[in-house]
């Protein structure tokens, strides 16, 4: 995709993955009896890794920003992940813009425990 946009890639891209089983499968080139249904896909990824076209790195689920698009995180986890994407609370923005409160309560996140490994 970068090539089509005319962007030269300077470094090997890193794919952050929160699934340790998938990382093991890629390291074994998809040669696992337990995951035969994924063998073709993991071999493809392993080939990219072997050719230094991709790096695969583990990231804990709680830190995986992509989860905001694939899971339904609780409000505190959503706020924490959203901060990494520069998402802004519309209610807060309206309050600042108009100079008055548009809601009684804006997020009260005391804990990030809502988001557990699936």
C-alpha atoms as a PDB file:
ATOM      1  CA  UNK A   1       0.000   0.000   0.000  1.00  0.00           C
ATOM      2  CA  UNK A   2       2.825   2.416   0.829  1.00  0.00           C
ATOM      3  CA  UNK A   3       4.389   1.669  -2.535  1.00  0.00           C
ATOM      4  CA  UNK A   4       1.145   2.586  -4.298  1.00  0.00           C
ATOM      5  CA  UNK A   5       1.095   5.882  -2.391  1.00  0.00           C
ATOM      6  CA  UNK A   6       4.639   6.614  -3.542  1.00  0.00           C
ATOM      7  CA  UNK A   7       6.090   6.332  -0.037  1.00  0.00           C
ATOM      8  CA  UNK A   8       9.474   4.668   0.290  1.00  0.00           C
ATOM      9  CA  UNK A   9       9.659   2.453   3.312  1.00  0.00           C
ATOM     10  CA  UNK A  10      12.754   3.211   5.383  1.00  0.00           C
ATOM     11  CA  UNK A  11      12.521   0.455   8.003  1.00  0.00           C
ATOM     12  CA  UNK A  12      11.029  -2.991   8.414  1.00  0.00           C
ATOM     13  CA  UNK A  13       7.450  -2.597   9.706  1.00  0.00           C
ATOM     14  CA  UNK A  14       6.604  -4.131  13.067  1.00  0.00           C
ATOM     15  CA  UNK A  15       3.337  -6.015  13.508  1.00  0.00           C
ATOM     16  CA  UNK A  16       2.246  -5.845  17.149  1.00  0.00           C
ATOM     17  CA  UNK A  17       0.381  -8.995  18.183  1.00  0.00           C
ATOM     18  CA  UNK A  18      -1.313  -9.748  21.510  1.00  0.00           C
ATOM     19  CA  UNK A  19      -1.648 -13.462  20.784  1.00  0.00           C
ATOM     20  CA  UNK A  20       1.367 -15.466  21.947  1.00  0.00           C
ATOM     21  CA  UNK A  21       0.085 -18.647  20.258  1.00  0.00           C
ATOM     22  CA  UNK A  22       0.090 -16.883  16.905  1.00  0.00           C
ATOM     23  CA  UNK A  23       3.653 -15.685  17.452  1.00  0.00           C
ATOM     24  CA  UNK A  24       4.749 -19.264  18.276  1.00  0.00           C
ATOM     25  CA  UNK A  25       3.002 -20.531  15.138  1.00  0.00           C
ATOM     26  CA  UNK A  26       4.853 -18.011  12.992  1.00  0.00           C
ATOM     27  CA  UNK A  27       8.155 -18.943  14.648  1.00  0.00           C
ATOM     28  CA  UNK A  28       7.405 -22.615  13.781  1.00  0.00           C
ATOM     29  CA  UNK A  29       6.501 -21.690  10.168  1.00  0.00           C
ATOM     30  CA  UNK A  30       2.941 -22.860  10.712  1.00  0.00           C
ATOM     31  CA  UNK A  31       4.027 -26.430  11.432  1.00  0.00           C
ATOM     32  CA  UNK A  32       1.711 -27.253  14.305  1.00  0.00           C
ATOM     33  CA  UNK A  33      -0.757 -30.073  14.723  1.00  0.00           C
ATOM     34  CA  UNK A  34      -3.043 -27.923  16.884  1.00  0.00           C
ATOM     35  CA  UNK A  35      -3.427 -25.071  14.397  1.00  0.00           C
ATOM     36  CA  UNK A  36      -3.624 -26.791  11.002  1.00  0.00           C
ATOM     37  CA  UNK A  37      -6.466 -24.521   9.904  1.00  0.00           C
ATOM     38  CA  UNK A  38      -4.142 -21.495  10.209  1.00  0.00           C
ATOM     39  CA  UNK A  39      -1.034 -23.083   8.681  1.00  0.00           C
ATOM     40  CA  UNK A  40      -1.280 -21.353   5.297  1.00  0.00           C
ATOM     41  CA  UNK A  41      -1.669 -17.898   6.841  1.00  0.00           C
ATOM     42  CA  UNK A  42       1.064 -18.374   9.426  1.00  0.00           C
ATOM     43  CA  UNK A  43       3.463 -19.686   6.766  1.00  0.00           C
ATOM     44  CA  UNK A  44       2.841 -16.518   4.747  1.00  0.00           C
ATOM     45  CA  UNK A  45       3.618 -14.313   7.727  1.00  0.00           C
ATOM     46  CA  UNK A  46       6.652 -16.470   8.613  1.00  0.00           C
ATOM     47  CA  UNK A  47       7.938 -16.026   5.058  1.00  0.00           C
ATOM     48  CA  UNK A  48       7.695 -12.234   5.377  1.00  0.00           C
ATOM     49  CA  UNK A  49       9.514 -12.399   8.735  1.00  0.00           C
ATOM     50  CA  UNK A  50      12.242 -14.675   7.286  1.00  0.00           C
ATOM     51  CA  UNK A  51      12.786 -12.257   4.385  1.00  0.00           C
ATOM     52  CA  UNK A  52      13.057  -9.317   6.808  1.00  0.00           C
ATOM     53  CA  UNK A  53       9.989  -7.690   5.293  1.00  0.00           C
ATOM     54  CA  UNK A  54       8.100  -7.781   8.611  1.00  0.00           C
ATOM     55  CA  UNK A  55       8.861  -8.002  12.329  1.00  0.00           C
ATOM     56  CA  UNK A  56       6.424  -9.637  14.717  1.00  0.00           C
ATOM     57  CA  UNK A  57       6.392  -8.386  18.296  1.00  0.00           C
ATOM     58  CA  UNK A  58       4.268  -9.271  21.330  1.00  0.00           C
ATOM     59  CA  UNK A  59       2.202  -6.544  22.995  1.00  0.00           C
ATOM     60  CA  UNK A  60      -0.079  -7.111  26.018  1.00  0.00           C
ATOM     61  CA  UNK A  61      -3.787  -6.819  25.185  1.00  0.00           C
ATOM     62  CA  UNK A  62      -4.200  -3.910  27.599  1.00  0.00           C
ATOM     63  CA  UNK A  63      -1.708  -1.909  25.506  1.00  0.00           C
ATOM     64  CA  UNK A  64      -2.956  -2.971  22.074  1.00  0.00           C
ATOM     65  CA  UNK A  65      -4.450   0.168  20.537  1.00  0.00           C
ATOM     66  CA  UNK A  66      -6.005  -1.847  17.684  1.00  0.00           C
ATOM     67  CA  UNK A  67      -8.363  -3.487  20.200  1.00  0.00           C
ATOM     68  CA  UNK A  68     -10.438  -0.304  20.253  1.00  0.00           C
ATOM     69  CA  UNK A  69     -11.575  -1.295  16.719  1.00  0.00           C
ATOM     70  CA  UNK A  70     -12.028  -5.039  17.310  1.00  0.00           C
ATOM     71  CA  UNK A  71     -13.400  -5.363  20.849  1.00  0.00           C
ATOM     72  CA  UNK A  72     -15.839  -3.519  23.070  1.00  0.00           C
ATOM     73  CA  UNK A  73     -13.565  -2.103  25.767  1.00  0.00           C
ATOM     74  CA  UNK A  74     -15.074  -0.660  28.932  1.00  0.00           C
ATOM     75  CA  UNK A  75     -15.277   3.113  29.279  1.00  0.00           C
ATOM     76  CA  UNK A  76     -11.937   3.512  31.078  1.00  0.00           C
ATOM     77  CA  UNK A  77     -10.054   1.258  28.659  1.00  0.00           C
ATOM     78  CA  UNK A  78     -11.749   3.041  25.739  1.00  0.00           C
ATOM     79  CA  UNK A  79     -10.625   6.398  27.126  1.00  0.00           C
ATOM     80  CA  UNK A  80      -7.053   5.169  27.676  1.00  0.00           C
ATOM     81  CA  UNK A  81      -6.788   3.626  24.196  1.00  0.00           C
ATOM     82  CA  UNK A  82      -8.555   6.607  22.640  1.00  0.00           C
ATOM     83  CA  UNK A  83      -5.930   8.923  24.113  1.00  0.00           C
ATOM     84  CA  UNK A  84      -3.308   7.100  22.019  1.00  0.00           C
ATOM     85  CA  UNK A  85      -5.396   7.819  18.910  1.00  0.00           C
ATOM     86  CA  UNK A  86      -5.973  11.464  19.884  1.00  0.00           C
ATOM     87  CA  UNK A  87      -9.718  10.891  20.229  1.00  0.00           C
ATOM     88  CA  UNK A  88     -11.517  13.684  22.019  1.00  0.00           C
ATOM     89  CA  UNK A  89     -14.611  13.461  24.183  1.00  0.00           C
ATOM     90  CA  UNK A  90     -17.266  15.401  22.264  1.00  0.00           C
ATOM     91  CA  UNK A  91     -18.952  16.480  25.491  1.00  0.00           C
ATOM     92  CA  UNK A  92     -15.710  17.988  26.774  1.00  0.00           C
ATOM     93  CA  UNK A  93     -15.059  19.704  23.449  1.00  0.00           C
ATOM     94  CA  UNK A  94     -18.570  21.182  23.386  1.00  0.00           C
ATOM     95  CA  UNK A  95     -18.185  22.415  26.957  1.00  0.00           C
ATOM     96  CA  UNK A  96     -14.949  24.195  26.095  1.00  0.00           C
ATOM     97  CA  UNK A  97     -16.329  25.559  22.837  1.00  0.00           C
ATOM     98  CA  UNK A  98     -19.645  26.851  24.141  1.00  0.00           C
ATOM     99  CA  UNK A  99     -18.526  27.698  27.642  1.00  0.00           C
ATOM    100  CA  UNK A 100     -21.212  25.674  29.414  1.00  0.00           C
ATOM    101  CA  UNK A 101     -21.687  22.135  30.648  1.00  0.00           C
ATOM    102  CA  UNK A 102     -23.556  19.769  28.311  1.00  0.00           C
ATOM    103  CA  UNK A 103     -23.533  16.812  30.666  1.00  0.00           C
ATOM    104  CA  UNK A 104     -23.702  16.156  34.371  1.00  0.00           C
ATOM    105  CA  UNK A 105     -20.843  13.714  34.378  1.00  0.00           C
ATOM    106  CA  UNK A 106     -17.769  13.232  32.253  1.00  0.00           C
ATOM    107  CA  UNK A 107     -15.820   9.973  32.632  1.00  0.00           C
ATOM    108  CA  UNK A 108     -14.748   8.927  36.109  1.00  0.00           C
ATOM    109  CA  UNK A 109     -12.172   6.255  35.370  1.00  0.00           C
ATOM    110  CA  UNK A 110     -10.353   5.050  38.403  1.00  0.00           C
ATOM    111  CA  UNK A 111      -9.389   1.663  36.979  1.00  0.00           C
ATOM    112  CA  UNK A 112      -8.193   0.149  33.733  1.00  0.00           C
ATOM    113  CA  UNK A 113      -9.329  -3.362  34.651  1.00  0.00           C
ATOM    114  CA  UNK A 114     -12.208  -3.489  32.146  1.00  0.00           C
ATOM    115  CA  UNK A 115     -10.065  -4.790  29.327  1.00  0.00           C
ATOM    116  CA  UNK A 116      -8.905  -8.354  29.859  1.00  0.00           C
ATOM    117  CA  UNK A 117      -7.300 -10.794  27.435  1.00  0.00           C
ATOM    118  CA  UNK A 118      -9.998 -12.404  25.320  1.00  0.00           C
END
